[in-house]
N, C-alpha and C. Protein backbone atom coordinates (compact mmCIF):
# COMPACT_ATOMS: atom_id res chain seq x y z
N MET A 1 0.83 -1.17 0.00
CA MET A 1 0.00 0.00 0.00
C MET A 1 0.88 1.24 0.00
N SER A 2 0.56 2.18 -0.89
CA SER A 2 1.34 3.41 -1.02
C SER A 2 1.03 4.38 0.10
N PRO A 3 1.99 5.27 0.39
CA PRO A 3 1.71 6.34 1.34
C PRO A 3 0.52 7.19 0.84
N ARG A 4 -0.05 7.93 1.77
CA ARG A 4 -1.26 8.71 1.46
C ARG A 4 -0.94 10.21 1.42
N VAL A 5 -1.62 10.92 0.53
CA VAL A 5 -1.46 12.37 0.41
C VAL A 5 -2.17 13.04 1.59
N VAL A 6 -1.46 13.94 2.25
CA VAL A 6 -2.06 14.71 3.35
C VAL A 6 -2.21 16.18 3.00
N GLN A 7 -1.47 16.62 1.97
CA GLN A 7 -1.56 18.01 1.52
C GLN A 7 -1.18 18.05 0.05
N VAL A 8 -1.80 18.95 -0.71
CA VAL A 8 -1.49 19.09 -2.13
C VAL A 8 -1.43 20.56 -2.49
N GLU A 9 -0.46 20.91 -3.36
CA GLU A 9 -0.33 22.27 -3.88
C GLU A 9 -0.33 22.20 -5.40
N PRO A 10 -1.28 22.87 -6.06
CA PRO A 10 -1.24 22.92 -7.53
C PRO A 10 -0.13 23.86 -7.97
N LEU A 11 0.61 23.46 -8.98
CA LEU A 11 1.71 24.26 -9.52
C LEU A 11 1.47 24.57 -10.99
N ALA A 12 2.33 25.34 -11.59
CA ALA A 12 2.24 25.66 -13.01
C ALA A 12 2.43 24.40 -13.85
N ASN A 13 1.97 24.47 -15.08
CA ASN A 13 2.16 23.40 -16.07
C ASN A 13 1.56 22.07 -15.65
N ASN A 14 0.46 22.13 -14.90
CA ASN A 14 -0.30 20.94 -14.51
C ASN A 14 0.48 19.97 -13.61
N TYR A 15 1.32 20.52 -12.78
CA TYR A 15 2.02 19.72 -11.79
C TYR A 15 1.33 19.87 -10.43
N LEU A 16 1.46 18.84 -9.65
CA LEU A 16 0.99 18.87 -8.26
C LEU A 16 2.17 18.58 -7.35
N ARG A 17 2.32 19.37 -6.30
CA ARG A 17 3.27 19.05 -5.24
C ARG A 17 2.48 18.32 -4.17
N LEU A 18 2.91 17.11 -3.89
CA LEU A 18 2.17 16.22 -2.99
C LEU A 18 2.98 15.97 -1.72
N PHE A 19 2.33 16.14 -0.59
CA PHE A 19 2.94 15.86 0.71
C PHE A 19 2.34 14.55 1.21
N PHE A 20 3.18 13.53 1.33
CA PHE A 20 2.72 12.21 1.73
C PHE A 20 2.93 11.98 3.23
N ASP A 21 2.15 11.07 3.78
CA ASP A 21 2.24 10.80 5.22
C ASP A 21 3.52 10.09 5.63
N ASN A 22 4.36 9.68 4.68
CA ASN A 22 5.65 9.08 5.02
C ASN A 22 6.76 10.13 5.06
N GLY A 23 6.39 11.42 4.89
CA GLY A 23 7.37 12.50 4.96
C GLY A 23 7.96 12.89 3.61
N GLU A 24 7.56 12.25 2.53
CA GLU A 24 8.08 12.60 1.21
C GLU A 24 7.23 13.69 0.58
N VAL A 25 7.92 14.58 -0.13
CA VAL A 25 7.27 15.58 -0.98
C VAL A 25 7.60 15.18 -2.40
N ARG A 26 6.55 14.97 -3.21
CA ARG A 26 6.75 14.45 -4.56
C ARG A 26 6.02 15.33 -5.57
N LEU A 27 6.54 15.35 -6.81
CA LEU A 27 5.93 16.11 -7.89
C LEU A 27 5.26 15.16 -8.87
N PHE A 28 4.00 15.45 -9.17
CA PHE A 28 3.20 14.62 -10.08
C PHE A 28 2.80 15.48 -11.28
N ASP A 29 3.09 14.98 -12.48
CA ASP A 29 2.73 15.66 -13.72
C ASP A 29 1.40 15.10 -14.20
N ALA A 30 0.35 15.90 -14.12
CA ALA A 30 -0.98 15.46 -14.55
C ALA A 30 -1.20 15.63 -16.04
N SER A 31 -0.30 16.32 -16.74
CA SER A 31 -0.53 16.64 -18.15
C SER A 31 -0.77 15.43 -19.05
N PRO A 32 -0.17 14.26 -18.84
CA PRO A 32 -0.46 13.13 -19.72
C PRO A 32 -1.92 12.67 -19.68
N TYR A 33 -2.66 13.07 -18.67
CA TYR A 33 -4.05 12.63 -18.51
C TYR A 33 -5.06 13.64 -19.08
N LEU A 34 -4.61 14.84 -19.43
CA LEU A 34 -5.52 15.93 -19.73
C LEU A 34 -6.28 15.80 -21.05
N ASP A 35 -5.93 14.86 -21.88
CA ASP A 35 -6.65 14.62 -23.13
C ASP A 35 -7.67 13.50 -22.99
N LYS A 36 -7.81 12.96 -21.80
CA LYS A 36 -8.65 11.79 -21.57
C LYS A 36 -9.93 12.15 -20.83
N GLY A 37 -11.07 11.90 -21.45
CA GLY A 37 -12.39 11.97 -20.81
C GLY A 37 -12.58 13.10 -19.82
N ILE A 38 -12.94 12.71 -18.60
CA ILE A 38 -13.29 13.71 -17.58
C ILE A 38 -12.11 14.59 -17.16
N PHE A 39 -10.89 14.17 -17.45
CA PHE A 39 -9.72 14.95 -17.05
C PHE A 39 -9.51 16.18 -17.93
N GLN A 40 -10.20 16.29 -19.05
CA GLN A 40 -10.03 17.44 -19.94
C GLN A 40 -10.34 18.76 -19.23
N GLU A 41 -11.26 18.74 -18.28
CA GLU A 41 -11.61 19.95 -17.53
C GLU A 41 -10.42 20.49 -16.73
N LEU A 42 -9.45 19.64 -16.42
CA LEU A 42 -8.29 20.06 -15.64
C LEU A 42 -7.36 20.97 -16.44
N ARG A 43 -7.58 21.11 -17.74
CA ARG A 43 -6.79 22.03 -18.56
C ARG A 43 -7.04 23.49 -18.16
N ASN A 44 -8.18 23.75 -17.56
CA ASN A 44 -8.52 25.10 -17.10
C ASN A 44 -7.72 25.37 -15.82
N ASP A 45 -6.81 26.34 -15.88
CA ASP A 45 -5.90 26.60 -14.75
C ASP A 45 -6.64 26.92 -13.45
N SER A 46 -7.69 27.72 -13.53
CA SER A 46 -8.39 28.07 -12.29
C SER A 46 -9.10 26.85 -11.69
N TYR A 47 -9.60 25.96 -12.54
CA TYR A 47 -10.22 24.74 -12.04
C TYR A 47 -9.16 23.78 -11.48
N PHE A 48 -8.03 23.68 -12.15
CA PHE A 48 -6.94 22.81 -11.70
C PHE A 48 -6.52 23.15 -10.27
N LYS A 49 -6.56 24.44 -9.94
CA LYS A 49 -6.13 24.90 -8.62
C LYS A 49 -7.10 24.52 -7.50
N LEU A 50 -8.26 23.98 -7.83
CA LEU A 50 -9.26 23.60 -6.83
C LEU A 50 -9.02 22.20 -6.23
N VAL A 51 -7.91 21.59 -6.55
CA VAL A 51 -7.60 20.24 -6.07
C VAL A 51 -7.50 20.21 -4.55
N LYS A 52 -7.95 19.09 -3.96
CA LYS A 52 -7.91 18.88 -2.51
C LYS A 52 -7.50 17.43 -2.22
N PRO A 53 -6.89 17.17 -1.06
CA PRO A 53 -6.66 15.78 -0.66
C PRO A 53 -8.00 15.07 -0.50
N PHE A 54 -8.02 13.77 -0.83
CA PHE A 54 -9.27 13.01 -0.77
C PHE A 54 -8.95 11.53 -0.59
N PHE A 55 -9.24 10.96 0.55
CA PHE A 55 -9.03 9.53 0.84
C PHE A 55 -7.64 9.04 0.43
N GLY A 56 -6.62 9.81 0.75
CA GLY A 56 -5.24 9.42 0.46
C GLY A 56 -4.76 9.82 -0.91
N GLY A 57 -5.66 10.25 -1.78
CA GLY A 57 -5.31 10.73 -3.11
C GLY A 57 -5.71 12.19 -3.21
N VAL A 58 -6.08 12.62 -4.43
CA VAL A 58 -6.54 13.98 -4.64
C VAL A 58 -7.81 13.96 -5.49
N GLN A 59 -8.61 15.04 -5.34
CA GLN A 59 -9.85 15.11 -6.10
C GLN A 59 -10.19 16.57 -6.40
N TRP A 60 -10.92 16.79 -7.50
CA TRP A 60 -11.44 18.10 -7.89
C TRP A 60 -12.94 18.10 -7.68
N PRO A 61 -13.57 19.28 -7.73
CA PRO A 61 -15.01 19.39 -7.42
C PRO A 61 -15.94 18.51 -8.26
N HIS A 62 -15.59 18.27 -9.51
CA HIS A 62 -16.46 17.45 -10.36
C HIS A 62 -16.05 15.97 -10.34
N GLU A 63 -15.35 15.60 -9.28
CA GLU A 63 -15.00 14.21 -8.95
C GLU A 63 -13.92 13.58 -9.82
N GLN A 64 -13.15 14.40 -10.54
CA GLN A 64 -11.94 13.84 -11.15
C GLN A 64 -10.99 13.53 -10.00
N ASP A 65 -10.34 12.39 -10.07
CA ASP A 65 -9.45 12.05 -8.96
C ASP A 65 -8.30 11.17 -9.41
N PHE A 66 -7.26 11.17 -8.57
CA PHE A 66 -6.13 10.25 -8.70
C PHE A 66 -5.96 9.59 -7.34
N GLY A 67 -5.80 8.29 -7.34
CA GLY A 67 -5.61 7.55 -6.10
C GLY A 67 -4.17 7.61 -5.61
N PRO A 68 -3.95 7.21 -4.37
CA PRO A 68 -2.61 7.29 -3.79
C PRO A 68 -1.57 6.45 -4.52
N ASP A 69 -1.96 5.29 -5.04
CA ASP A 69 -0.98 4.45 -5.75
C ASP A 69 -0.47 5.14 -7.00
N THR A 70 -1.38 5.66 -7.81
CA THR A 70 -0.99 6.36 -9.04
C THR A 70 -0.11 7.56 -8.71
N LEU A 71 -0.52 8.34 -7.74
CA LEU A 71 0.22 9.54 -7.39
C LEU A 71 1.63 9.22 -6.89
N PHE A 72 1.76 8.20 -6.05
CA PHE A 72 3.07 7.87 -5.50
C PHE A 72 3.97 7.24 -6.56
N LEU A 73 3.43 6.29 -7.31
CA LEU A 73 4.26 5.55 -8.27
C LEU A 73 4.64 6.37 -9.51
N GLU A 74 3.82 7.37 -9.85
CA GLU A 74 4.08 8.15 -11.06
C GLU A 74 4.60 9.55 -10.75
N SER A 75 5.08 9.76 -9.55
CA SER A 75 5.63 11.07 -9.18
C SER A 75 7.12 10.93 -8.89
N GLU A 76 7.77 12.09 -8.83
CA GLU A 76 9.21 12.13 -8.55
C GLU A 76 9.46 12.78 -7.20
N LEU A 77 10.38 12.21 -6.46
CA LEU A 77 10.74 12.75 -5.16
C LEU A 77 11.35 14.14 -5.31
N GLU A 78 10.81 15.08 -4.57
CA GLU A 78 11.37 16.45 -4.56
C GLU A 78 12.17 16.68 -3.29
N SER A 79 11.62 16.30 -2.14
CA SER A 79 12.29 16.52 -0.86
C SER A 79 11.57 15.71 0.22
N THR A 80 11.92 15.96 1.45
CA THR A 80 11.23 15.34 2.57
C THR A 80 10.80 16.44 3.53
N TRP A 81 9.83 16.13 4.36
CA TRP A 81 9.33 17.06 5.37
C TRP A 81 9.05 16.27 6.63
N GLU A 82 8.85 16.97 7.70
CA GLU A 82 8.57 16.33 8.99
C GLU A 82 7.08 16.04 9.10
N ALA A 83 6.71 14.80 8.80
CA ALA A 83 5.29 14.41 8.89
C ALA A 83 4.87 14.35 10.36
N ALA A 84 3.67 14.80 10.64
CA ALA A 84 3.18 14.81 12.02
C ALA A 84 2.84 13.42 12.49
């Protein structure tokens, strides 16, 4: 089971900075998904910024989501932080 997202920051160019409960900060590139079905709405920058943590992954208001496994396995380590 992958670590769970506890905080998310939307960044430029459809990246997400993800803070995981194992203390890792990772960068996830959502752009490869933006041409697919319900994810097309994420191309709108103001909508993309509405992302929130959701059950260990992330979700947007219209229920587009990425689970913790996808986010952890397809992201790159940026740094570490002191997880509570």
